[in-house]
């Protein structure tokens, strides 16, 4: 029974420690890259609207691959791209048409769930990334929370406090067992 409890105890410690490391990585990488969480060369973007449903659900995260200027000019119809609007807002929509205007390439985009194409064509220089095919539903809510001040504090401090509390519990339990062994040893000495 003691071996099972010890294995469970070690497993809980490992899970809490890995949770602390993961949260620290997510929060620090998000802050260091100015809100652009990156993993293995891909940026993780939160889906904040339903314009691309059912392809992406609101609250999902998607993986996008940043593009260089050469790759931006080779995009084609049906590619899903992330681009900056004239207001500086990042949008991820599908290309439904490609036109050339002089030396500029323009992409006509549309959200899958929208009735009409986007009002302004996207200049190839404003394309930031292309969708990689990676989507995880509902994690975007968590990422947005992690990027807030409250989320950062909770996700870094919370697991640390749990880990310290669990360590204190283990120390207390060890001291209690040591006290019992000491008392048993004293009883044996009194009998002899």
Foldseek 3Di string as FASTA:
>chain_A
DVVVVVVVLVVVLVVLVVLLVVLVLLLVCCVVVVNFRDDPQWTKDAACDCLQPPVADHQKIFTWHFDDLVVLVPDDFQWWFWFQDPVRDTDTFGFHDWDDDPPWIWTWTGHPNDPDIDPDTGTSVGTTTTTPSDMDHNCNVLSVLCNDPVNVCCSNVVSVVVSVVSVVVVVVVVVVVVVVVVVVVVVVVVVD
